[in-house]
Amino acid sequence: MKVRLLLTLAGAAISFAVPALVAQDAMKIVPADEIDWKDDTLFKGVQYANLLGDPAKAEACVVRVKFPPNFKMPTHTHSWSEVITVLSGAFGEATDDTDKGVILKPGSLLVLPANRTHRVWTTDQETVFQFSFTGPFDITFVNPADDPRKKAE
């Protein structure tokens, strides 16, 4: 039943994303050796690369992310659905703080509905994943004390 639900959600997410991606005006190629990695401003050691779209705008976006070994992102939500593909390493995902969750290996797909409470982590290796969503990007931490933007103030 879980597999069927996951496949249904994946299909729905892809069917919504494809028209937005096809609406791009020109073909775009991003060679792996030309990816422009940037340091994340919220989490030390995290890097990201915007491959498609502007995450600040209401448009289709594809972002690639590198999490360092033993990284933990606290429980949070996003107002948009996301489709995550694990490219390397081990991507841990759980729906709340009491849940043991799952470790996803390279090639795994995760579909998260909008506003789904979840947390993510890595094991003892760097993890690279790619996620697609329709912006604008947002993140809300369940425990406001976990929000690194609050700690910087």
Protein backbone atom coordinates (compact mmCIF):
# COMPACT_ATOMS: atom_id res chain seq x y z
CA MET A 1 0.00 0.00 0.00
CA LYS A 2 2.83 2.44 0.86
CA VAL A 3 4.54 1.73 -2.46
CA ARG A 4 1.32 2.36 -4.39
CA LEU A 5 0.77 5.62 -2.50
CA LEU A 6 4.36 6.72 -3.13
CA LEU A 7 4.06 5.94 -6.84
CA THR A 8 0.74 7.79 -7.02
CA LEU A 9 2.24 10.83 -5.27
CA ALA A 10 5.34 10.70 -7.47
CA GLY A 11 3.20 10.56 -10.59
CA ALA A 12 1.07 13.45 -9.41
CA ALA A 13 4.11 15.54 -8.51
CA ILE A 14 5.77 14.85 -11.84
CA SER A 15 2.59 15.54 -13.81
CA PHE A 16 2.30 18.95 -12.13
CA ALA A 17 6.00 19.75 -12.57
CA VAL A 18 6.37 18.71 -16.22
CA PRO A 19 4.11 21.40 -17.75
CA ALA A 20 5.93 24.08 -15.74
CA LEU A 21 9.32 22.73 -16.83
CA VAL A 22 8.24 22.45 -20.47
CA ALA A 23 7.08 26.07 -20.31
CA GLN A 24 10.71 27.20 -20.15
CA ASP A 25 11.57 29.32 -23.19
CA ALA A 26 14.78 27.57 -24.16
CA MET A 27 16.53 24.28 -23.78
CA LYS A 28 18.97 24.32 -20.88
CA ILE A 29 21.94 22.04 -20.31
CA VAL A 30 23.89 22.08 -17.05
CA PRO A 31 27.06 19.98 -17.40
CA ALA A 32 28.09 18.42 -14.10
CA ASP A 33 31.51 20.08 -14.17
CA GLU A 34 29.91 23.53 -14.61
CA ILE A 35 27.57 23.40 -11.63
CA ASP A 36 27.94 26.58 -9.58
CA TRP A 37 28.03 25.42 -5.95
CA LYS A 38 27.38 28.03 -3.24
CA ASP A 39 27.73 27.83 0.53
CA ASP A 40 24.38 27.77 2.30
CA THR A 41 23.84 30.79 4.53
CA LEU A 42 21.77 28.89 7.13
CA PHE A 43 23.66 25.63 7.66
CA LYS A 44 27.43 25.36 8.00
CA GLY A 45 28.98 22.86 5.58
CA VAL A 46 25.91 22.67 3.31
CA GLN A 47 26.26 23.66 -0.34
CA TYR A 48 23.60 24.10 -3.01
CA ALA A 49 23.32 24.81 -6.71
CA ASN A 50 20.24 26.23 -8.43
CA LEU A 51 20.00 24.26 -11.66
CA LEU A 52 16.67 25.58 -12.90
CA GLY A 53 14.44 28.48 -11.94
CA ASP A 54 14.63 31.15 -9.28
CA PRO A 55 13.67 29.76 -5.85
CA ALA A 56 12.57 33.25 -4.78
CA LYS A 57 9.85 33.27 -7.47
CA ALA A 58 6.67 31.28 -8.09
CA GLU A 59 8.20 29.03 -10.75
CA ALA A 60 9.49 25.50 -11.25
CA CYS A 61 12.86 24.99 -9.57
CA VAL A 62 15.47 22.25 -9.48
CA VAL A 63 18.14 22.53 -6.78
CA ARG A 64 21.05 20.22 -6.04
CA VAL A 65 22.31 20.04 -2.45
CA LYS A 66 25.42 18.64 -0.71
CA PHE A 67 25.03 17.74 2.97
CA PRO A 68 28.23 17.06 4.93
CA PRO A 69 28.71 13.83 6.89
CA ASN A 70 26.69 13.54 10.12
CA PHE A 71 24.47 16.51 9.22
CA LYS A 72 21.07 16.93 10.88
CA MET A 73 18.35 19.29 9.74
CA PRO A 74 15.70 19.80 12.42
CA THR A 75 12.02 19.04 11.94
CA HIS A 76 10.49 21.48 9.48
CA THR A 77 7.87 22.01 6.77
CA HIS A 78 7.64 23.66 3.35
CA SER A 79 4.49 25.15 1.81
CA TRP A 80 5.16 23.27 -1.44
CA SER A 81 5.44 19.64 -2.51
CA GLU A 82 8.91 18.38 -3.32
CA VAL A 83 10.41 15.49 -5.23
CA ILE A 84 13.84 14.43 -3.93
CA THR A 85 16.28 12.13 -5.75
CA VAL A 86 19.29 10.86 -3.82
CA LEU A 87 22.39 11.02 -6.04
CA SER A 88 25.11 9.85 -3.64
CA GLY A 89 25.62 9.06 0.03
CA ALA A 90 22.83 8.16 2.43
CA PHE A 91 19.81 10.44 2.98
CA GLY A 92 17.88 9.92 6.21
CA GLU A 93 14.26 11.05 6.37
CA ALA A 94 11.66 10.87 9.13
CA THR A 95 8.27 12.46 9.60
CA ASP A 96 8.80 13.62 13.19
CA ASP A 97 11.28 13.63 16.06
CA THR A 98 10.09 10.33 17.52
CA ASP A 99 10.13 8.43 14.23
CA LYS A 100 13.24 6.38 13.38
CA GLY A 101 12.71 7.10 9.69
CA VAL A 102 14.45 5.54 6.69
CA ILE A 103 17.85 5.78 5.05
CA LEU A 104 17.58 6.29 1.30
CA LYS A 105 20.40 5.10 -0.94
CA PRO A 106 21.52 6.61 -4.28
CA GLY A 107 18.82 6.34 -6.91
CA SER A 108 16.00 6.54 -4.33
CA LEU A 109 13.07 8.90 -4.84
CA LEU A 110 11.16 10.66 -2.07
CA VAL A 111 7.96 12.61 -2.64
CA LEU A 112 6.84 14.91 0.17
CA PRO A 113 3.45 16.63 0.05
CA ALA A 114 3.20 20.31 0.95
CA ASN A 115 3.28 21.08 4.67
CA ARG A 116 4.54 17.59 5.57
CA THR A 117 6.49 17.69 8.82
CA HIS A 118 9.85 15.98 8.36
CA ARG A 119 13.51 16.02 9.32
CA VAL A 120 16.56 14.86 7.39
CA TRP A 121 20.09 13.74 8.20
CA THR A 122 23.17 12.11 6.77
CA THR A 123 25.33 9.26 7.99
CA ASP A 124 29.14 9.28 8.01
CA GLN A 125 29.43 10.33 4.36
CA GLU A 126 28.67 13.38 2.26
CA THR A 127 25.24 13.13 0.63
CA VAL A 128 24.19 14.78 -2.62
CA PHE A 129 20.53 15.03 -3.60
CA GLN A 130 18.42 16.97 -6.02
CA PHE A 131 14.96 18.33 -5.35
CA SER A 132 12.27 19.84 -7.53
CA PHE A 133 9.50 22.15 -6.35
CA THR A 134 7.48 25.16 -7.40
CA GLY A 135 8.70 28.25 -5.55
CA PRO A 136 8.98 30.47 -3.82
CA PHE A 137 11.23 28.53 -1.44
CA ASP A 138 10.33 28.59 2.23
CA ILE A 139 11.15 26.60 5.35
CA THR A 140 9.40 26.69 8.72
CA PHE A 141 11.00 24.95 11.67
CA VAL A 142 8.56 23.17 14.00
CA ASN A 143 10.58 24.31 17.01
CA PRO A 144 11.38 28.02 16.47
CA ALA A 145 14.55 27.58 18.55
CA ASP A 146 15.90 25.28 15.77
CA ASP A 147 15.68 28.07 13.17
CA PRO A 148 19.26 29.21 12.40
CA ARG A 149 17.88 32.56 11.19
CA LYS A 150 16.72 33.25 14.76
CA LYS A 151 20.13 32.32 16.16
CA ALA A 152 21.84 34.86 13.90
CA GLU A 153 19.71 37.72 15.24
